[in-house]
C-alpha atoms as a PDB file:
ATOM      1  CA  MET A   1      19.018  16.532  -1.998  1.00  0.00           C
ATOM      2  CA  THR A   2      19.570  17.465   1.623  1.00  0.00           C
ATOM      3  CA  GLU A   3      20.539  15.293   4.581  1.00  0.00           C
ATOM      4  CA  PRO A   4      17.981  12.672   5.679  1.00  0.00           C
ATOM      5  CA  CYS A   5      15.230  13.257   8.220  1.00  0.00           C
ATOM      6  CA  GLU A   6      15.857  11.330  11.440  1.00  0.00           C
ATOM      7  CA  LYS A   7      12.232  10.102  11.526  1.00  0.00           C
ATOM      8  CA  CYS A   8      11.368   9.031   7.993  1.00  0.00           C
ATOM      9  CA  GLY A   9      14.795   8.794   6.377  1.00  0.00           C
ATOM     10  CA  LYS A  10      13.806  10.987   3.445  1.00  0.00           C
ATOM     11  CA  PRO A  11      15.860  14.012   2.398  1.00  0.00           C
ATOM     12  CA  LYS A  12      14.705  16.950   4.511  1.00  0.00           C
ATOM     13  CA  ASP A  13      13.619  18.936   1.465  1.00  0.00           C
ATOM     14  CA  VAL A  14      11.216  16.092   0.558  1.00  0.00           C
ATOM     15  CA  CYS A  15      10.180  15.039   4.097  1.00  0.00           C
ATOM     16  CA  VAL A  16       6.581  15.830   5.085  1.00  0.00           C
ATOM     17  CA  CYS A  17       6.758  14.683   8.710  1.00  0.00           C
ATOM     18  CA  GLU A  18       5.546  18.077   9.915  1.00  0.00           C
ATOM     19  CA  ARG A  19       2.282  17.518   8.030  1.00  0.00           C
ATOM     20  CA  VAL A  20       1.527  14.096   9.469  1.00  0.00           C
ATOM     21  CA  VAL A  21      -1.506  13.908  11.742  1.00  0.00           C
ATOM     22  CA  PRO A  22      -1.780  10.397  13.258  1.00  0.00           C
ATOM     23  CA  GLN A  23      -5.088   8.776  12.284  1.00  0.00           C
ATOM     24  CA  ALA A  24      -7.044   6.382  14.487  1.00  0.00           C
ATOM     25  CA  VAL A  25      -7.902   3.255  12.476  1.00  0.00           C
ATOM     26  CA  LYS A  26      -9.012  -0.226  13.464  1.00  0.00           C
ATOM     27  CA  THR A  27      -7.639  -1.911  10.342  1.00  0.00           C
ATOM     28  CA  ARG A  28      -4.122  -3.255  10.788  1.00  0.00           C
ATOM     29  CA  ILE A  29      -1.708  -2.694   7.903  1.00  0.00           C
ATOM     30  CA  VAL A  30       1.442  -4.773   7.494  1.00  0.00           C
ATOM     31  CA  ILE A  31       3.857  -3.820   4.719  1.00  0.00           C
ATOM     32  CA  LEU A  32       6.190  -6.522   3.415  1.00  0.00           C
ATOM     33  CA  GLN A  33       9.021  -4.569   1.807  1.00  0.00           C
ATOM     34  CA  HIS A  34      11.577  -6.065  -0.554  1.00  0.00           C
ATOM     35  CA  PRO A  35      15.082  -5.408   0.838  1.00  0.00           C
ATOM     36  CA  GLN A  36      16.189  -3.918  -2.490  1.00  0.00           C
ATOM     37  CA  GLU A  37      13.408  -1.329  -2.564  1.00  0.00           C
ATOM     38  CA  GLN A  38      15.801   1.599  -2.663  1.00  0.00           C
ATOM     39  CA  ASP A  39      13.450   4.510  -3.358  1.00  0.00           C
ATOM     40  CA  VAL A  40      14.130   6.489  -0.199  1.00  0.00           C
ATOM     41  CA  VAL A  41      12.873   9.708  -1.771  1.00  0.00           C
ATOM     42  CA  LEU A  42       9.507   8.597  -3.174  1.00  0.00           C
ATOM     43  CA  GLY A  43       8.706   5.473  -1.140  1.00  0.00           C
ATOM     44  CA  THR A  44       5.414   5.751   0.755  1.00  0.00           C
ATOM     45  CA  ALA A  45       5.840   3.118   3.492  1.00  0.00           C
ATOM     46  CA  PRO A  46       7.236   5.667   6.018  1.00  0.00           C
ATOM     47  CA  LEU A  47       4.125   7.823   5.569  1.00  0.00           C
ATOM     48  CA  LEU A  48       1.883   4.870   6.398  1.00  0.00           C
ATOM     49  CA  GLU A  49       3.961   4.033   9.462  1.00  0.00           C
ATOM     50  CA  ALA A  50       3.651   7.585  10.759  1.00  0.00           C
ATOM     51  CA  ALA A  51       0.029   8.286   9.830  1.00  0.00           C
ATOM     52  CA  VAL A  52      -1.825   5.010  10.473  1.00  0.00           C
ATOM     53  CA  GLY A  53       0.626   2.973  12.539  1.00  0.00           C
ATOM     54  CA  ALA A  54       1.451   0.517   9.758  1.00  0.00           C
ATOM     55  CA  THR A  55       4.047  -2.156  10.493  1.00  0.00           C
ATOM     56  CA  ARG A  56       6.887  -2.526   7.991  1.00  0.00           C
ATOM     57  CA  LYS A  57       8.760  -5.829   7.635  1.00  0.00           C
ATOM     58  CA  VAL A  58      11.834  -5.816   5.389  1.00  0.00           C
ATOM     59  CA  GLY A  59      12.883  -9.165   3.944  1.00  0.00           C
ATOM     60  CA  LEU A  60      12.145 -11.785   1.305  1.00  0.00           C
ATOM     61  CA  SER A  61      10.179 -14.482   3.120  1.00  0.00           C
ATOM     62  CA  TRP A  62       8.369 -15.256   6.352  1.00  0.00           C
ATOM     63  CA  PRO A  63       6.921 -18.624   7.429  1.00  0.00           C
ATOM     64  CA  ASN A  64       3.331 -17.523   8.016  1.00  0.00           C
ATOM     65  CA  LEU A  65       0.970 -14.686   8.915  1.00  0.00           C
ATOM     66  CA  ALA A  66       1.820 -15.008  12.601  1.00  0.00           C
ATOM     67  CA  ALA A  67       5.433 -14.156  11.814  1.00  0.00           C
ATOM     68  CA  VAL A  68       4.473 -10.706  10.504  1.00  0.00           C
ATOM     69  CA  ALA A  69       1.314 -10.100  12.543  1.00  0.00           C
ATOM     70  CA  PRO A  70       1.570 -12.141  15.759  1.00  0.00           C
ATOM     71  CA  GLU A  71      -1.592 -10.575  17.177  1.00  0.00           C
ATOM     72  CA  ALA A  72      -3.751 -11.588  14.182  1.00  0.00           C
ATOM     73  CA  THR A  73      -6.947 -13.389  15.173  1.00  0.00           C
ATOM     74  CA  GLY A  74      -9.451 -12.310  12.504  1.00  0.00           C
ATOM     75  CA  ARG A  75      -9.662 -12.186   8.705  1.00  0.00           C
ATOM     76  CA  TRP A  76      -6.731 -10.824   6.768  1.00  0.00           C
ATOM     77  CA  ALA A  77      -6.337 -10.166   3.054  1.00  0.00           C
ATOM     78  CA  VAL A  78      -3.483  -9.369   0.700  1.00  0.00           C
ATOM     79  CA  ALA A  79      -3.687  -6.802  -2.077  1.00  0.00           C
ATOM     80  CA  TRP A  80      -2.729  -8.761  -5.189  1.00  0.00           C
ATOM     81  CA  PRO A  81      -4.130  -9.150  -8.729  1.00  0.00           C
ATOM     82  CA  LEU A  82      -6.237 -12.161  -9.633  1.00  0.00           C
ATOM     83  CA  SER A  83      -7.858 -13.323 -12.872  1.00  0.00           C
ATOM     84  CA  LEU A  84     -11.612 -13.302 -12.352  1.00  0.00           C
ATOM     85  CA  PRO A  85     -14.529 -14.983 -14.117  1.00  0.00           C
ATOM     86  CA  LYS A  86     -16.138 -12.664 -16.677  1.00  0.00           C
ATOM     87  CA  ALA A  87     -19.258 -12.504 -14.511  1.00  0.00           C
ATOM     88  CA  LEU A  88     -17.286 -10.627 -11.854  1.00  0.00           C
ATOM     89  CA  GLU A  89     -15.389  -8.236 -14.108  1.00  0.00           C
ATOM     90  CA  GLY A  90     -18.266  -5.752 -14.066  1.00  0.00           C
ATOM     91  CA  MET A  91     -18.362  -5.847 -10.279  1.00  0.00           C
ATOM     92  CA  VAL A  92     -14.661  -5.068 -10.066  1.00  0.00           C
ATOM     93  CA  SER A  93     -14.933  -2.104 -12.403  1.00  0.00           C
ATOM     94  CA  SER A  94     -17.819  -0.615 -10.397  1.00  0.00           C
ATOM     95  CA  VAL A  95     -16.004  -0.476  -7.043  1.00  0.00           C
ATOM     96  CA  PRO A  96     -12.441   0.617  -6.207  1.00  0.00           C
ATOM     97  CA  VAL A  97     -11.787  -2.395  -3.956  1.00  0.00           C
ATOM     98  CA  LEU A  98     -13.207  -5.914  -4.215  1.00  0.00           C
ATOM     99  CA  ALA A  99     -12.440  -8.668  -1.711  1.00  0.00           C
ATOM    100  CA  VAL A 100     -12.466 -12.212  -3.075  1.00  0.00           C
ATOM    101  CA  ASP A 101     -11.683 -15.617  -1.628  1.00  0.00           C
ATOM    102  CA  ARG A 102      -9.110 -18.093  -2.945  1.00  0.00           C
ATOM    103  CA  ARG A 103     -11.529 -19.284  -5.639  1.00  0.00           C
ATOM    104  CA  GLY A 104     -12.271 -15.757  -6.832  1.00  0.00           C
ATOM    105  CA  GLY A 105     -15.700 -15.504  -5.225  1.00  0.00           C
ATOM    106  CA  PRO A 106     -16.648 -12.111  -3.745  1.00  0.00           C
ATOM    107  CA  VAL A 107     -16.621 -11.858   0.053  1.00  0.00           C
ATOM    108  CA  PRO A 108     -17.471  -8.973   2.396  1.00  0.00           C
ATOM    109  CA  MET A 109     -14.755  -6.704   3.723  1.00  0.00           C
ATOM    110  CA  GLY A 110     -14.807  -6.616   7.544  1.00  0.00           C
ATOM    111  CA  LEU A 111     -11.072  -7.287   7.649  1.00  0.00           C
ATOM    112  CA  GLU A 112      -8.909  -7.211  10.741  1.00  0.00           C
ATOM    113  CA  GLY A 113      -5.808  -6.518   8.688  1.00  0.00           C
ATOM    114  CA  VAL A 114      -4.273  -6.137   5.265  1.00  0.00           C
ATOM    115  CA  ILE A 115      -0.929  -7.219   3.799  1.00  0.00           C
ATOM    116  CA  LEU A 116       0.681  -4.876   1.259  1.00  0.00           C
ATOM    117  CA  LEU A 117       3.727  -5.819  -0.843  1.00  0.00           C
ATOM    118  CA  ASP A 118       6.134  -2.915  -1.294  1.00  0.00           C
ATOM    119  CA  GLY A 119       8.714  -2.600  -4.063  1.00  0.00           C
ATOM    120  CA  THR A 120       8.902  -2.500  -7.837  1.00  0.00           C
ATOM    121  CA  TRP A 121       6.514  -4.795  -9.706  1.00  0.00           C
ATOM    122  CA  SER A 122       9.314  -7.330 -10.151  1.00  0.00           C
ATOM    123  CA  GLN A 123      10.216  -7.147  -6.450  1.00  0.00           C
ATOM    124  CA  ALA A 124       6.570  -7.511  -5.418  1.00  0.00           C
ATOM    125  CA  LYS A 125       6.255 -10.653  -7.549  1.00  0.00           C
ATOM    126  CA  THR A 126       9.317 -12.072  -5.807  1.00  0.00           C
ATOM    127  CA  LEU A 127       7.693 -11.461  -2.420  1.00  0.00           C
ATOM    128  CA  TRP A 128       4.473 -13.073  -3.626  1.00  0.00           C
ATOM    129  CA  TRP A 129       6.101 -16.276  -4.861  1.00  0.00           C
ATOM    130  CA  ARG A 130       8.412 -16.635  -1.859  1.00  0.00           C
ATOM    131  CA  ASN A 131       5.567 -16.468   0.661  1.00  0.00           C
ATOM    132  CA  ALA A 132       3.185 -19.313  -0.159  1.00  0.00           C
ATOM    133  CA  TRP A 133       1.066 -18.582   2.931  1.00  0.00           C
ATOM    134  CA  LEU A 134      -0.255 -15.480   1.169  1.00  0.00           C
ATOM    135  CA  LEU A 135      -2.251 -17.833  -1.075  1.00  0.00           C
ATOM    136  CA  ARG A 136      -4.365 -18.811   1.930  1.00  0.00           C
ATOM    137  CA  LEU A 137      -5.547 -15.245   2.507  1.00  0.00           C
ATOM    138  CA  ASP A 138      -8.430 -13.478   0.825  1.00  0.00           C
ATOM    139  CA  ARG A 139      -7.327 -11.095  -1.906  1.00  0.00           C
ATOM    140  CA  LEU A 140      -8.076  -7.437  -2.498  1.00  0.00           C
ATOM    141  CA  LEU A 141      -8.440  -6.344  -6.103  1.00  0.00           C
ATOM    142  CA  ILE A 142      -7.807  -2.624  -6.462  1.00  0.00           C
ATOM    143  CA  ARG A 143      -9.320  -0.689  -9.367  1.00  0.00           C
ATOM    144  CA  PRO A 144      -8.578   2.989  -8.649  1.00  0.00           C
ATOM    145  CA  LYS A 145     -10.744   5.615 -10.301  1.00  0.00           C
ATOM    146  CA  GLU A 146      -7.771   7.932 -10.810  1.00  0.00           C
ATOM    147  CA  PRO A 147      -4.157   7.387 -11.913  1.00  0.00           C
ATOM    148  CA  SER A 148      -1.380   7.343  -9.341  1.00  0.00           C
ATOM    149  CA  ILE A 149      -0.346  10.584  -7.661  1.00  0.00           C
ATOM    150  CA  TYR A 150       3.198   9.782  -8.751  1.00  0.00           C
ATOM    151  CA  GLY A 151       2.382  10.892 -12.280  1.00  0.00           C
ATOM    152  CA  ARG A 152       5.578  11.236 -14.303  1.00  0.00           C
ATOM    153  CA  VAL A 153       7.813  11.272 -11.230  1.00  0.00           C
ATOM    154  CA  ARG A 154       7.648   7.485 -10.889  1.00  0.00           C
ATOM    155  CA  ARG A 155       6.074   5.419 -13.633  1.00  0.00           C
ATOM    156  CA  GLU A 156       3.858   2.467 -12.752  1.00  0.00           C
ATOM    157  CA  PRO A 157       3.798  -0.609 -15.082  1.00  0.00           C
ATOM    158  CA  ARG A 158       0.041  -0.374 -15.658  1.00  0.00           C
ATOM    159  CA  LYS A 159      -2.596   2.308 -15.177  1.00  0.00           C
ATOM    160  CA  GLU A 160      -4.368   0.399 -12.411  1.00  0.00           C
ATOM    161  CA  MET A 161      -1.162   0.007 -10.407  1.00  0.00           C
ATOM    162  CA  ILE A 162      -0.765   2.603  -7.703  1.00  0.00           C
ATOM    163  CA  SER A 163       1.547   3.228  -4.774  1.00  0.00           C
ATOM    164  CA  THR A 164       1.492   1.307  -1.511  1.00  0.00           C
ATOM    165  CA  LEU A 165       0.015   4.367   0.215  1.00  0.00           C
ATOM    166  CA  GLU A 166      -2.739   4.787  -2.370  1.00  0.00           C
ATOM    167  CA  THR A 167      -3.577   1.088  -2.093  1.00  0.00           C
ATOM    168  CA  ALA A 168      -3.833   1.478   1.676  1.00  0.00           C
ATOM    169  CA  ALA A 169      -6.026   4.561   1.312  1.00  0.00           C
ATOM    170  CA  GLU A 170      -8.483   2.761  -0.992  1.00  0.00           C
ATOM    171  CA  THR A 171      -8.510  -0.298   1.260  1.00  0.00           C
ATOM    172  CA  LEU A 172      -9.063   1.583   4.516  1.00  0.00           C
ATOM    173  CA  THR A 173     -12.105   3.385   3.122  1.00  0.00           C
ATOM    174  CA  ALA A 174     -13.529   0.152   1.684  1.00  0.00           C
ATOM    175  CA  ASN A 175     -13.046  -1.518   5.065  1.00  0.00           C
ATOM    176  CA  GLY A 176     -15.186   1.068   6.837  1.00  0.00           C
ATOM    177  CA  GLU A 177     -12.614   3.568   8.075  1.00  0.00           C
ATOM    178  CA  ASP A 178     -13.366   7.305   8.018  1.00  0.00           C
ATOM    179  CA  PRO A 179     -12.858   8.594   4.444  1.00  0.00           C
ATOM    180  CA  GLY A 180     -10.950  11.485   5.981  1.00  0.00           C
ATOM    181  CA  VAL A 181      -8.091   9.070   6.663  1.00  0.00           C
ATOM    182  CA  ALA A 182      -7.631   8.393   2.954  1.00  0.00           C
ATOM    183  CA  THR A 183      -7.888  12.103   2.221  1.00  0.00           C
ATOM    184  CA  HIS A 184      -5.088  12.840   4.688  1.00  0.00           C
ATOM    185  CA  LEU A 185      -2.894  10.063   3.293  1.00  0.00           C
ATOM    186  CA  ARG A 186      -3.275  11.314  -0.264  1.00  0.00           C
ATOM    187  CA  ALA A 187      -2.556  14.887   0.824  1.00  0.00           C
ATOM    188  CA  LEU A 188       0.696  13.725   2.414  1.00  0.00           C
ATOM    189  CA  MET A 189       1.715  11.915  -0.739  1.00  0.00           C
ATOM    190  CA  ARG A 190       0.873  14.883  -2.970  1.00  0.00           C
ATOM    191  CA  ALA A 191       3.001  17.137  -0.763  1.00  0.00           C
ATOM    192  CA  MET A 192       5.889  14.656  -0.862  1.00  0.00           C
ATOM    193  CA  VAL A 193       5.745  14.290  -4.647  1.00  0.00           C
ATOM    194  CA  GLN A 194       5.577  18.051  -5.143  1.00  0.00           C
ATOM    195  CA  ARG A 195       8.581  18.585  -2.890  1.00  0.00           C
ATOM    196  CA  ALA A 196      10.480  15.911  -4.805  1.00  0.00           C
ATOM    197  CA  ARG A 197       9.710  17.747  -8.051  1.00  0.00           C
ATOM    198  CA  ASP A 198      10.825  21.050  -6.558  1.00  0.00           C
ATOM    199  CA  ALA A 199      14.051  19.506  -5.239  1.00  0.00           C
ATOM    200  CA  ALA A 200      14.961  17.785  -8.505  1.00  0.00           C
ATOM    201  CA  PRO A 201      17.821  19.440 -10.397  1.00  0.00           C
ATOM    202  CA  SER A 202      16.763  21.459 -13.423  1.00  0.00           C
ATOM    203  CA  ALA A 203      17.374  19.883 -16.800  1.00  0.00           C
END
């Protein structure tokens, strides 16, 4: 791998900064990143910062929503799995993103902002349990129609688990943003993953 890019921190042979076109979105995105998330090469948080103005907070715990999004005045949700009543399982499978309240009842989108937890599955669970205030937010259940762009480059624990960027892309479209935003985000990630494959040493 080459030296890191000054903007995104990725190796320059994997960096896709030159492809980033800033997108105008109303939905705020705050990424809570585990401090031990070490995947500088394949991590997607820098792409979200550059493309949609996401805010990244690195740490283990924060006292409340205001600590990570001081300007928050409207409804916020966190993307996190939740066991649903059987009556709602069909609804979840028919749409890529479903917003539910604390009791698991479906609610409309119309969100001001979204919290995304960034790290391995184990690290994300640590963030979830160390930030009890997340329980007071609505939840977003993500059921992607396609597997993660990572493919074999970075394995996800379950088929329905996708990258932070892909979660943001699904959520932005579901929240009424231009579908072209999600298309651009996915294109950036595909380019990054392909460059990582090309830069990997041959077996």
